[in-house]
């Protein structure tokens, strides 16, 4: 196996290369480094470097191969929706590197999110989705995975074959009995896909991981490494899980706010039915994200996070 992502990005050679690149890009933008560069976070899928300068803190991010599209995507989003996504200071699309200006605290760090906060985050999310719906080719050209509903049945089959073929001690192994139960839901999955594929609410950018630490205090979302080209309503899955398991906020009120953003094309009842259908597609697409993000992980990282592909694929049984 090639060197694991987390090992590569903590190696002296890689860090020297990254430091040289960000130093040059920062100076080109008029920033002078003002202290030691720190690496506070390393995950199997990304790492961040904190860069102090005379004009404030900069952030450098490097992504694993499956998420290396993020810098080019971020730049595209900032061009189409500059009021919602700030332009990066510099990017290297070939290496999946990005340098950005510090935009302040996240929502999660600044306060306990309220109902108004969650409404604001999902309004911003839906607004971005609407603005990008007609930019499919541009989005996919950055490397974003095409997870539109029509692609999901084949993806389900491939993931099921994959997870039942890995060794039995693999954290995402699916045994024969569970595989049969999953296969038995395939017809319902196909029906859900048909409903979504013909809906008035479009396939567009699906952030993939909307939560309080992926939104700034002013409620703009960021961190687009989990993004897929998928049905818009799949974006509700993570907020639903977060709100219903960690807060006392009424999900129905949050959902109603998001549905209102599509009220010109769909009634609230239609939105609810379509959201139910995305329980199938989002589960499969999220399993893909996790599997690909761990393809360059260490054995220890597989032990820590490796049950996630299985966990999400098994959500098809609950859809």
C-alpha atoms as a PDB file:
ATOM      1  CA  UNK A   1       0.000   0.000   0.000  1.00  0.00           C
ATOM      2  CA  UNK A   2       1.172   3.567  -0.658  1.00  0.00           C
ATOM      3  CA  UNK A   3       2.054   5.625   2.394  1.00  0.00           C
ATOM      4  CA  UNK A   4      -1.038   6.488   4.427  1.00  0.00           C
ATOM      5  CA  UNK A   5      -2.297  10.044   4.062  1.00  0.00           C
ATOM      6  CA  UNK A   6      -1.843  10.908   7.747  1.00  0.00           C
ATOM      7  CA  UNK A   7       1.717   9.589   7.711  1.00  0.00           C
ATOM      8  CA  UNK A   8       2.596  11.461   4.542  1.00  0.00           C
ATOM      9  CA  UNK A   9       1.270  14.831   5.749  1.00  0.00           C
ATOM     10  CA  UNK A  10       3.199  14.593   9.014  1.00  0.00           C
ATOM     11  CA  UNK A  11       6.495  13.692   7.342  1.00  0.00           C
ATOM     12  CA  UNK A  12       9.293  16.245   7.327  1.00  0.00           C
ATOM     13  CA  UNK A  13       9.552  16.237   3.554  1.00  0.00           C
ATOM     14  CA  UNK A  14       5.859  16.923   3.004  1.00  0.00           C
ATOM     15  CA  UNK A  15       5.732  19.614   5.681  1.00  0.00           C
ATOM     16  CA  UNK A  16       8.757  21.375   4.203  1.00  0.00           C
ATOM     17  CA  UNK A  17       7.067  21.357   0.792  1.00  0.00           C
ATOM     18  CA  UNK A  18       3.752  22.614   2.187  1.00  0.00           C
ATOM     19  CA  UNK A  19       5.462  25.321   4.255  1.00  0.00           C
ATOM     20  CA  UNK A  20       7.389  26.560   1.233  1.00  0.00           C
ATOM     21  CA  UNK A  21       4.220  26.703  -0.888  1.00  0.00           C
ATOM     22  CA  UNK A  22       2.066  28.487   1.670  1.00  0.00           C
ATOM     23  CA  UNK A  23       4.880  30.905   2.561  1.00  0.00           C
ATOM     24  CA  UNK A  24       5.176  31.948  -1.085  1.00  0.00           C
ATOM     25  CA  UNK A  25       1.413  32.177  -1.610  1.00  0.00           C
ATOM     26  CA  UNK A  26       0.960  34.197   1.593  1.00  0.00           C
ATOM     27  CA  UNK A  27       3.650  36.682   0.614  1.00  0.00           C
ATOM     28  CA  UNK A  28       2.144  37.042  -2.852  1.00  0.00           C
ATOM     29  CA  UNK A  29      -1.105  38.064  -1.149  1.00  0.00           C
ATOM     30  CA  UNK A  30       0.649  40.600   1.077  1.00  0.00           C
ATOM     31  CA  UNK A  31       0.919  38.540   4.266  1.00  0.00           C
ATOM     32  CA  UNK A  32       4.158  38.205   6.227  1.00  0.00           C
ATOM     33  CA  UNK A  33       4.511  35.135   8.435  1.00  0.00           C
ATOM     34  CA  UNK A  34       4.674  36.156  12.088  1.00  0.00           C
ATOM     35  CA  UNK A  35       5.287  32.963  14.021  1.00  0.00           C
ATOM     36  CA  UNK A  36       5.660  29.192  13.871  1.00  0.00           C
ATOM     37  CA  UNK A  37       3.239  27.199  11.726  1.00  0.00           C
ATOM     38  CA  UNK A  38       1.179  24.690  13.716  1.00  0.00           C
ATOM     39  CA  UNK A  39      -0.517  21.451  12.631  1.00  0.00           C
ATOM     40  CA  UNK A  40      -3.395  21.094  15.113  1.00  0.00           C
ATOM     41  CA  UNK A  41      -5.417  18.479  13.265  1.00  0.00           C
ATOM     42  CA  UNK A  42      -4.586  15.351  11.289  1.00  0.00           C
ATOM     43  CA  UNK A  43      -7.265  12.942  10.104  1.00  0.00           C
ATOM     44  CA  UNK A  44      -7.247  10.149   7.511  1.00  0.00           C
ATOM     45  CA  UNK A  45      -9.030  12.515   5.113  1.00  0.00           C
ATOM     46  CA  UNK A  46      -7.464  15.948   5.745  1.00  0.00           C
ATOM     47  CA  UNK A  47      -5.024  18.023   7.722  1.00  0.00           C
ATOM     48  CA  UNK A  48      -4.890  21.708   8.609  1.00  0.00           C
ATOM     49  CA  UNK A  49      -1.985  24.036   9.270  1.00  0.00           C
ATOM     50  CA  UNK A  50      -2.434  27.304  11.179  1.00  0.00           C
ATOM     51  CA  UNK A  51      -0.336  30.118   9.740  1.00  0.00           C
ATOM     52  CA  UNK A  52       0.130  33.287  11.854  1.00  0.00           C
ATOM     53  CA  UNK A  53       0.798  36.432   9.806  1.00  0.00           C
ATOM     54  CA  UNK A  54       1.056  40.174  10.344  1.00  0.00           C
ATOM     55  CA  UNK A  55      -2.490  40.502   8.983  1.00  0.00           C
ATOM     56  CA  UNK A  56      -4.086  37.731  10.980  1.00  0.00           C
ATOM     57  CA  UNK A  57      -4.279  33.976  10.911  1.00  0.00           C
ATOM     58  CA  UNK A  58      -4.376  31.929   7.706  1.00  0.00           C
ATOM     59  CA  UNK A  59      -5.523  28.327   7.328  1.00  0.00           C
ATOM     60  CA  UNK A  60      -3.923  25.772   5.042  1.00  0.00           C
ATOM     61  CA  UNK A  61      -5.833  22.596   4.247  1.00  0.00           C
ATOM     62  CA  UNK A  62      -4.738  19.454   2.416  1.00  0.00           C
ATOM     63  CA  UNK A  63      -7.176  16.691   1.507  1.00  0.00           C
ATOM     64  CA  UNK A  64      -6.898  12.968   0.872  1.00  0.00           C
ATOM     65  CA  UNK A  65      -7.242  11.851  -2.779  1.00  0.00           C
ATOM     66  CA  UNK A  66     -11.020  11.342  -2.704  1.00  0.00           C
ATOM     67  CA  UNK A  67     -11.563  14.875  -1.370  1.00  0.00           C
ATOM     68  CA  UNK A  68      -8.812  16.628  -3.309  1.00  0.00           C
ATOM     69  CA  UNK A  69     -11.496  18.384  -5.370  1.00  0.00           C
ATOM     70  CA  UNK A  70     -12.311  20.766  -2.503  1.00  0.00           C
ATOM     71  CA  UNK A  71      -9.935  23.649  -3.379  1.00  0.00           C
ATOM     72  CA  UNK A  72     -11.127  23.854  -6.993  1.00  0.00           C
ATOM     73  CA  UNK A  73     -14.735  23.500  -5.858  1.00  0.00           C
ATOM     74  CA  UNK A  74     -14.316  26.173  -3.191  1.00  0.00           C
ATOM     75  CA  UNK A  75     -12.935  28.555  -5.799  1.00  0.00           C
ATOM     76  CA  UNK A  76     -15.856  27.771  -8.129  1.00  0.00           C
ATOM     77  CA  UNK A  77     -18.417  28.368  -5.380  1.00  0.00           C
ATOM     78  CA  UNK A  78     -16.804  31.666  -4.442  1.00  0.00           C
ATOM     79  CA  UNK A  79     -17.104  32.816  -8.042  1.00  0.00           C
ATOM     80  CA  UNK A  80     -20.782  31.915  -8.334  1.00  0.00           C
ATOM     81  CA  UNK A  81     -21.865  32.906  -4.810  1.00  0.00           C
ATOM     82  CA  UNK A  82     -19.241  35.348  -3.470  1.00  0.00           C
ATOM     83  CA  UNK A  83     -21.591  36.626  -0.786  1.00  0.00           C
ATOM     84  CA  UNK A  84     -21.853  33.095   0.650  1.00  0.00           C
ATOM     85  CA  UNK A  85     -18.414  31.584   0.021  1.00  0.00           C
ATOM     86  CA  UNK A  86     -15.272  33.679   0.437  1.00  0.00           C
ATOM     87  CA  UNK A  87     -12.617  33.184  -2.222  1.00  0.00           C
ATOM     88  CA  UNK A  88      -9.556  31.217  -1.117  1.00  0.00           C
ATOM     89  CA  UNK A  89      -6.282  33.089  -0.893  1.00  0.00           C
ATOM     90  CA  UNK A  90      -4.589  30.432  -3.034  1.00  0.00           C
ATOM     91  CA  UNK A  91      -5.178  26.882  -4.254  1.00  0.00           C
ATOM     92  CA  UNK A  92      -3.193  24.062  -5.810  1.00  0.00           C
ATOM     93  CA  UNK A  93      -5.893  21.836  -7.355  1.00  0.00           C
ATOM     94  CA  UNK A  94      -3.433  19.165  -8.407  1.00  0.00           C
ATOM     95  CA  UNK A  95      -2.324  18.556  -4.841  1.00  0.00           C
ATOM     96  CA  UNK A  96      -5.633  19.310  -3.135  1.00  0.00           C
ATOM     97  CA  UNK A  97      -4.155  22.266  -1.231  1.00  0.00           C
ATOM     98  CA  UNK A  98      -5.902  25.468  -0.197  1.00  0.00           C
ATOM     99  CA  UNK A  99      -4.952  28.582   1.760  1.00  0.00           C
ATOM    100  CA  UNK A 100      -7.712  30.730   3.239  1.00  0.00           C
ATOM    101  CA  UNK A 101      -8.064  33.767   5.460  1.00  0.00           C
ATOM    102  CA  UNK A 102      -9.444  33.187   8.951  1.00  0.00           C
ATOM    103  CA  UNK A 103     -13.155  34.024   8.829  1.00  0.00           C
ATOM    104  CA  UNK A 104     -13.750  34.027  12.564  1.00  0.00           C
ATOM    105  CA  UNK A 105     -15.373  31.616  14.955  1.00  0.00           C
ATOM    106  CA  UNK A 106     -17.550  28.728  13.929  1.00  0.00           C
ATOM    107  CA  UNK A 107     -21.160  28.655  15.021  1.00  0.00           C
ATOM    108  CA  UNK A 108     -20.356  25.772  17.370  1.00  0.00           C
ATOM    109  CA  UNK A 109     -17.476  27.622  19.016  1.00  0.00           C
ATOM    110  CA  UNK A 110     -19.311  30.917  19.314  1.00  0.00           C
ATOM    111  CA  UNK A 111     -22.510  29.756  21.010  1.00  0.00           C
ATOM    112  CA  UNK A 112     -25.026  26.978  21.526  1.00  0.00           C
ATOM    113  CA  UNK A 113     -26.996  27.021  18.258  1.00  0.00           C
ATOM    114  CA  UNK A 114     -30.592  28.162  18.601  1.00  0.00           C
ATOM    115  CA  UNK A 115     -33.609  27.437  16.448  1.00  0.00           C
ATOM    116  CA  UNK A 116     -32.951  30.733  14.675  1.00  0.00           C
ATOM    117  CA  UNK A 117     -29.354  29.685  14.015  1.00  0.00           C
ATOM    118  CA  UNK A 118     -30.349  26.353  12.512  1.00  0.00           C
ATOM    119  CA  UNK A 119     -32.973  28.056  10.383  1.00  0.00           C
ATOM    120  CA  UNK A 120     -30.360  30.497   9.160  1.00  0.00           C
ATOM    121  CA  UNK A 121     -27.860  27.766   8.332  1.00  0.00           C
ATOM    122  CA  UNK A 122     -30.404  25.819   6.293  1.00  0.00           C
ATOM    123  CA  UNK A 123     -31.646  28.938   4.524  1.00  0.00           C
ATOM    124  CA  UNK A 124     -28.049  29.633   3.507  1.00  0.00           C
ATOM    125  CA  UNK A 125     -27.606  26.004   2.475  1.00  0.00           C
ATOM    126  CA  UNK A 126     -30.735  25.988   0.322  1.00  0.00           C
ATOM    127  CA  UNK A 127     -29.828  29.311  -1.243  1.00  0.00           C
ATOM    128  CA  UNK A 128     -26.445  27.931  -2.282  1.00  0.00           C
ATOM    129  CA  UNK A 129     -28.118  24.803  -3.639  1.00  0.00           C
ATOM    130  CA  UNK A 130     -30.489  26.836  -5.766  1.00  0.00           C
ATOM    131  CA  UNK A 131     -27.694  28.967  -7.153  1.00  0.00           C
ATOM    132  CA  UNK A 132     -25.607  25.932  -8.135  1.00  0.00           C
ATOM    133  CA  UNK A 133     -28.363  23.726  -9.572  1.00  0.00           C
ATOM    134  CA  UNK A 134     -27.643  24.873 -13.138  1.00  0.00           C
ATOM    135  CA  UNK A 135     -23.870  24.386 -12.835  1.00  0.00           C
ATOM    136  CA  UNK A 136     -23.623  20.592 -12.975  1.00  0.00           C
ATOM    137  CA  UNK A 137     -20.818  20.394 -15.510  1.00  0.00           C
ATOM    138  CA  UNK A 138     -18.731  23.024 -13.729  1.00  0.00           C
ATOM    139  CA  UNK A 139     -19.153  21.307 -10.363  1.00  0.00           C
ATOM    140  CA  UNK A 140     -18.345  17.833 -11.672  1.00  0.00           C
ATOM    141  CA  UNK A 141     -15.326  19.183 -13.550  1.00  0.00           C
ATOM    142  CA  UNK A 142     -13.700  19.946 -10.192  1.00  0.00           C
ATOM    143  CA  UNK A 143     -13.827  16.245  -9.282  1.00  0.00           C
ATOM    144  CA  UNK A 144     -16.956  16.250  -7.129  1.00  0.00           C
ATOM    145  CA  UNK A 145     -18.543  12.765  -7.183  1.00  0.00           C
ATOM    146  CA  UNK A 146     -21.735  12.417  -9.200  1.00  0.00           C
ATOM    147  CA  UNK A 147     -24.162  10.862  -6.726  1.00  0.00           C
ATOM    148  CA  UNK A 148     -27.392  11.836  -8.457  1.00  0.00           C
ATOM    149  CA  UNK A 149     -30.308   9.521  -7.639  1.00  0.00           C
ATOM    150  CA  UNK A 150     -30.005   7.577 -10.905  1.00  0.00           C
ATOM    151  CA  UNK A 151     -26.467   6.534  -9.941  1.00  0.00           C
ATOM    152  CA  UNK A 152     -27.431   5.094  -6.570  1.00  0.00           C
ATOM    153  CA  UNK A 153     -28.680   1.554  -7.426  1.00  0.00           C
ATOM    154  CA  UNK A 154     -25.383   0.616  -9.068  1.00  0.00           C
ATOM    155  CA  UNK A 155     -23.490   2.196  -6.165  1.00  0.00           C
ATOM    156  CA  UNK A 156     -25.575   0.211  -3.697  1.00  0.00           C
ATOM    157  CA  UNK A 157     -24.772  -3.015  -5.541  1.00  0.00           C
ATOM    158  CA  UNK A 158     -21.058  -2.212  -5.682  1.00  0.00           C
ATOM    159  CA  UNK A 159     -20.820  -1.290  -2.009  1.00  0.00           C
ATOM    160  CA  UNK A 160     -22.768  -4.344  -0.935  1.00  0.00           C
ATOM    161  CA  UNK A 161     -20.485  -6.594  -2.990  1.00  0.00           C
ATOM    162  CA  UNK A 162     -17.453  -4.828  -1.567  1.00  0.00           C
ATOM    163  CA  UNK A 163     -18.437  -5.017   2.087  1.00  0.00           C
ATOM    164  CA  UNK A 164     -19.446  -8.650   1.988  1.00  0.00           C
ATOM    165  CA  UNK A 165     -16.169  -9.549   0.264  1.00  0.00           C
ATOM    166  CA  UNK A 166     -13.758  -7.937   2.745  1.00  0.00           C
ATOM    167  CA  UNK A 167     -12.234 -10.167   5.457  1.00  0.00           C
ATOM    168  CA  UNK A 168     -14.580 -11.101   8.282  1.00  0.00           C
ATOM    169  CA  UNK A 169     -12.471  -9.167  10.781  1.00  0.00           C
ATOM    170  CA  UNK A 170     -12.744  -5.953   8.749  1.00  0.00           C
ATOM    171  CA  UNK A 171     -14.729  -3.303  10.683  1.00  0.00           C
ATOM    172  CA  UNK A 172     -17.140  -2.842   7.751  1.00  0.00           C
ATOM    173  CA  UNK A 173     -17.653  -6.511   6.947  1.00  0.00           C
ATOM    174  CA  UNK A 174     -21.259  -7.397   6.085  1.00  0.00           C
ATOM    175  CA  UNK A 175     -22.184 -11.007   6.770  1.00  0.00           C
ATOM    176  CA  UNK A 176     -24.363 -13.127   4.487  1.00  0.00           C
ATOM    177  CA  UNK A 177     -27.558 -12.728   6.505  1.00  0.00           C
ATOM    178  CA  UNK A 178     -27.220  -8.946   6.658  1.00  0.00           C
ATOM    179  CA  UNK A 179     -26.354  -8.816   2.964  1.00  0.00           C
ATOM    180  CA  UNK A 180     -29.577 -10.688   2.168  1.00  0.00           C
ATOM    181  CA  UNK A 181     -31.594  -8.225   4.240  1.00  0.00           C
ATOM    182  CA  UNK A 182     -29.998  -5.318   2.406  1.00  0.00           C
ATOM    183  CA  UNK A 183     -30.566  -6.902  -0.997  1.00  0.00           C
ATOM    184  CA  UNK A 184     -34.226  -7.393  -0.090  1.00  0.00           C
ATOM    185  CA  UNK A 185     -34.628  -3.597   0.158  1.00  0.00           C
ATOM    186  CA  UNK A 186     -33.248  -2.928  -3.313  1.00  0.00           C
ATOM    187  CA  UNK A 187     -36.631  -2.683  -5.031  1.00  0.00           C
ATOM    188  CA  UNK A 188     -37.733  -0.044  -2.518  1.00  0.00           C
ATOM    189  CA  UNK A 189     -34.477   1.811  -3.087  1.00  0.00           C
ATOM    190  CA  UNK A 190     -35.150   1.832  -6.830  1.00  0.00           C
ATOM    191  CA  UNK A 191     -38.654   3.195  -6.193  1.00  0.00           C
ATOM    192  CA  UNK A 192     -37.192   5.962  -4.025  1.00  0.00           C
ATOM    193  CA  UNK A 193     -34.708   6.795  -6.769  1.00  0.00           C
ATOM    194  CA  UNK A 194     -37.539   7.097  -9.295  1.00  0.00           C
ATOM    195  CA  UNK A 195     -39.403   9.545  -7.049  1.00  0.00           C
ATOM    196  CA  UNK A 196     -36.316  11.681  -6.528  1.00  0.00           C
ATOM    197  CA  UNK A 197     -35.257  11.601 -10.178  1.00  0.00           C
ATOM    198  CA  UNK A 198     -38.585  13.084 -11.274  1.00  0.00           C
ATOM    199  CA  UNK A 199     -39.019  15.605  -8.470  1.00  0.00           C
ATOM    200  CA  UNK A 200     -39.215  19.355  -8.984  1.00  0.00           C
ATOM    201  CA  UNK A 201     -36.555  19.858  -6.330  1.00  0.00           C
ATOM    202  CA  UNK A 202     -33.302  19.366  -8.205  1.00  0.00           C
ATOM    203  CA  UNK A 203     -30.085  17.479  -8.016  1.00  0.00           C
ATOM    204  CA  UNK A 204     -27.477  20.035  -6.965  1.00  0.00           C
ATOM    205  CA  UNK A 205     -24.628  20.525  -4.522  1.00  0.00           C
ATOM    206  CA  UNK A 206     -25.181  18.487  -1.361  1.00  0.00           C
ATOM    207  CA  UNK A 207     -22.805  19.727   1.349  1.00  0.00           C
ATOM    208  CA  UNK A 208     -22.790  16.362   3.090  1.00  0.00           C
ATOM    209  CA  UNK A 209     -21.878  17.452   6.613  1.00  0.00           C
ATOM    210  CA  UNK A 210     -23.825  20.508   7.776  1.00  0.00           C
ATOM    211  CA  UNK A 211     -23.284  20.942  11.517  1.00  0.00           C
ATOM    212  CA  UNK A 212     -22.329  23.808  13.879  1.00  0.00           C
ATOM    213  CA  UNK A 213     -18.590  23.408  13.328  1.00  0.00           C
ATOM    214  CA  UNK A 214     -18.973  23.569   9.549  1.00  0.00           C
ATOM    215  CA  UNK A 215     -20.753  26.919   9.664  1.00  0.00           C
ATOM    216  CA  UNK A 216     -19.338  30.259  10.695  1.00  0.00           C
ATOM    217  CA  UNK A 217     -20.924  32.344  13.439  1.00  0.00           C
ATOM    218  CA  UNK A 218     -22.577  34.419  10.689  1.00  0.00           C
ATOM    219  CA  UNK A 219     -24.215  31.155   9.486  1.00  0.00           C
ATOM    220  CA  UNK A 220     -22.337  30.762   6.197  1.00  0.00           C
ATOM    221  CA  UNK A 221     -21.387  27.131   5.603  1.00  0.00           C
ATOM    222  CA  UNK A 222     -17.867  26.022   4.721  1.00  0.00           C
ATOM    223  CA  UNK A 223     -15.768  22.817   4.576  1.00  0.00           C
ATOM    224  CA  UNK A 224     -16.887  21.310   1.274  1.00  0.00           C
ATOM    225  CA  UNK A 225     -14.798  18.123   1.296  1.00  0.00           C
ATOM    226  CA  UNK A 226     -17.840  15.875   1.816  1.00  0.00           C
ATOM    227  CA  UNK A 227     -19.843  17.537  -0.929  1.00  0.00           C
ATOM    228  CA  UNK A 228     -21.547  15.446  -3.606  1.00  0.00           C
ATOM    229  CA  UNK A 229     -23.693  16.191  -6.641  1.00  0.00           C
ATOM    230  CA  UNK A 230     -26.889  14.654  -5.280  1.00  0.00           C
ATOM    231  CA  UNK A 231     -30.525  15.327  -4.554  1.00  0.00           C
ATOM    232  CA  UNK A 232     -30.865  18.570  -2.623  1.00  0.00           C
ATOM    233  CA  UNK A 233     -32.842  17.071   0.252  1.00  0.00           C
ATOM    234  CA  UNK A 234     -30.050  14.668   1.185  1.00  0.00           C
ATOM    235  CA  UNK A 235     -28.433  17.658   2.871  1.00  0.00           C
ATOM    236  CA  UNK A 236     -30.983  17.409   5.699  1.00  0.00           C
ATOM    237  CA  UNK A 237     -29.746  14.069   7.003  1.00  0.00           C
ATOM    238  CA  UNK A 238     -26.853  15.339   9.125  1.00  0.00           C
ATOM    239  CA  UNK A 239     -28.768  18.307  10.611  1.00  0.00           C
ATOM    240  CA  UNK A 240     -31.655  15.974  11.454  1.00  0.00           C
ATOM    241  CA  UNK A 241     -29.362  13.583  13.289  1.00  0.00           C
ATOM    242  CA  UNK A 242     -27.597  16.402  15.091  1.00  0.00           C
ATOM    243  CA  UNK A 243     -30.715  18.289  16.161  1.00  0.00           C
ATOM    244  CA  UNK A 244     -32.797  15.302  17.232  1.00  0.00           C
ATOM    245  CA  UNK A 245     -30.021  13.586  19.185  1.00  0.00           C
ATOM    246  CA  UNK A 246     -28.204  16.548  20.765  1.00  0.00           C
ATOM    247  CA  UNK A 247     -30.731  19.346  21.250  1.00  0.00           C
ATOM    248  CA  UNK A 248     -34.297  20.097  22.303  1.00  0.00           C
ATOM    249  CA  UNK A 249     -34.939  22.094  19.141  1.00  0.00           C
ATOM    250  CA  UNK A 250     -38.081  21.113  17.247  1.00  0.00           C
ATOM    251  CA  UNK A 251     -36.983  19.492  13.996  1.00  0.00           C
ATOM    252  CA  UNK A 252     -40.343  20.163  12.338  1.00  0.00           C
ATOM    253  CA  UNK A 253     -39.732  23.907  12.605  1.00  0.00           C
ATOM    254  CA  UNK A 254     -36.273  23.627  11.067  1.00  0.00           C
ATOM    255  CA  UNK A 255     -37.620  21.395   8.311  1.00  0.00           C
ATOM    256  CA  UNK A 256     -40.423  23.846   7.581  1.00  0.00           C
ATOM    257  CA  UNK A 257     -37.907  26.647   7.104  1.00  0.00           C
ATOM    258  CA  UNK A 258     -35.887  24.616   4.625  1.00  0.00           C
ATOM    259  CA  UNK A 259     -39.050  23.501   2.789  1.00  0.00           C
ATOM    260  CA  UNK A 260     -40.105  27.129   2.420  1.00  0.00           C
ATOM    261  CA  UNK A 261     -36.968  27.729   0.352  1.00  0.00           C
ATOM    262  CA  UNK A 262     -38.446  25.386  -2.270  1.00  0.00           C
ATOM    263  CA  UNK A 263     -42.080  26.486  -1.938  1.00  0.00           C
ATOM    264  CA  UNK A 264     -42.214  27.769  -5.509  1.00  0.00           C
ATOM    265  CA  UNK A 265     -41.707  24.233  -6.846  1.00  0.00           C
ATOM    266  CA  UNK A 266     -42.922  21.878  -4.094  1.00  0.00           C
ATOM    267  CA  UNK A 267     -45.566  21.766  -1.390  1.00  0.00           C
ATOM    268  CA  UNK A 268     -44.496  20.953   2.198  1.00  0.00           C
ATOM    269  CA  UNK A 269     -46.115  17.522   1.874  1.00  0.00           C
ATOM    270  CA  UNK A 270     -44.097  16.836  -1.272  1.00  0.00           C
ATOM    271  CA  UNK A 271     -40.898  17.920   0.465  1.00  0.00           C
ATOM    272  CA  UNK A 272     -41.606  15.541   3.339  1.00  0.00           C
ATOM    273  CA  UNK A 273     -42.197  12.631   0.958  1.00  0.00           C
ATOM    274  CA  UNK A 274     -39.042  13.369  -1.006  1.00  0.00           C
ATOM    275  CA  UNK A 275     -37.009  13.702   2.169  1.00  0.00           C
ATOM    276  CA  UNK A 276     -38.225  10.250   3.209  1.00  0.00           C
ATOM    277  CA  UNK A 277     -37.018   8.891  -0.136  1.00  0.00           C
ATOM    278  CA  UNK A 278     -33.541  10.331   0.449  1.00  0.00           C
ATOM    279  CA  UNK A 279     -33.183   8.046   3.455  1.00  0.00           C
ATOM    280  CA  UNK A 280     -32.234   5.402   0.885  1.00  0.00           C
ATOM    281  CA  UNK A 281     -29.984   7.458  -1.357  1.00  0.00           C
ATOM    282  CA  UNK A 282     -28.171   9.457   1.313  1.00  0.00           C
ATOM    283  CA  UNK A 283     -27.302   6.304   3.241  1.00  0.00           C
ATOM    284  CA  UNK A 284     -25.641   4.778   0.182  1.00  0.00           C
ATOM    285  CA  UNK A 285     -23.888   7.977  -0.830  1.00  0.00           C
ATOM    286  CA  UNK A 286     -22.612   8.593   2.698  1.00  0.00           C
ATOM    287  CA  UNK A 287     -21.224   5.062   2.842  1.00  0.00           C
ATOM    288  CA  UNK A 288     -19.276   5.870  -0.322  1.00  0.00           C
ATOM    289  CA  UNK A 289     -17.817   9.040   1.208  1.00  0.00           C
ATOM    290  CA  UNK A 290     -16.594   7.145   4.239  1.00  0.00           C
ATOM    291  CA  UNK A 291     -15.123   4.256   2.286  1.00  0.00           C
ATOM    292  CA  UNK A 292     -13.202   6.500  -0.085  1.00  0.00           C
ATOM    293  CA  UNK A 293     -11.985   8.783   2.693  1.00  0.00           C
ATOM    294  CA  UNK A 294     -10.399   5.780   4.421  1.00  0.00           C
ATOM    295  CA  UNK A 295      -8.757   4.227   1.375  1.00  0.00           C
ATOM    296  CA  UNK A 296      -5.428   5.798   2.372  1.00  0.00           C
ATOM    297  CA  UNK A 297      -5.862   5.296   6.133  1.00  0.00           C
ATOM    298  CA  UNK A 298      -3.549   3.415   8.490  1.00  0.00           C
ATOM    299  CA  UNK A 299      -4.663   0.119  10.100  1.00  0.00           C
ATOM    300  CA  UNK A 300      -5.161   2.007  13.366  1.00  0.00           C
ATOM    301  CA  UNK A 301      -7.362   4.569  11.639  1.00  0.00           C
ATOM    302  CA  UNK A 302      -9.401   1.795  10.045  1.00  0.00           C
ATOM    303  CA  UNK A 303      -9.906   0.388  13.538  1.00  0.00           C
ATOM    304  CA  UNK A 304     -11.129   3.761  14.796  1.00  0.00           C
ATOM    305  CA  UNK A 305     -13.365   4.823  11.906  1.00  0.00           C
ATOM    306  CA  UNK A 306     -13.637   1.777   9.685  1.00  0.00           C
ATOM    307  CA  UNK A 307     -17.136   0.712  10.714  1.00  0.00           C
ATOM    308  CA  UNK A 308     -18.604   3.891   9.197  1.00  0.00           C
ATOM    309  CA  UNK A 309     -19.158   2.548   5.646  1.00  0.00           C
ATOM    310  CA  UNK A 310     -21.043  -0.434   7.054  1.00  0.00           C
ATOM    311  CA  UNK A 311     -22.982   1.733   9.502  1.00  0.00           C
ATOM    312  CA  UNK A 312     -24.256   4.014   6.774  1.00  0.00           C
ATOM    313  CA  UNK A 313     -25.059   1.268   4.286  1.00  0.00           C
ATOM    314  CA  UNK A 314     -27.080  -0.509   6.983  1.00  0.00           C
ATOM    315  CA  UNK A 315     -29.218   2.608   7.338  1.00  0.00           C
ATOM    316  CA  UNK A 316     -30.941   1.373   4.162  1.00  0.00           C
ATOM    317  CA  UNK A 317     -32.620  -1.178   6.435  1.00  0.00           C
ATOM    318  CA  UNK A 318     -34.189   1.666   8.434  1.00  0.00           C
ATOM    319  CA  UNK A 319     -35.294   3.761   5.440  1.00  0.00           C
END
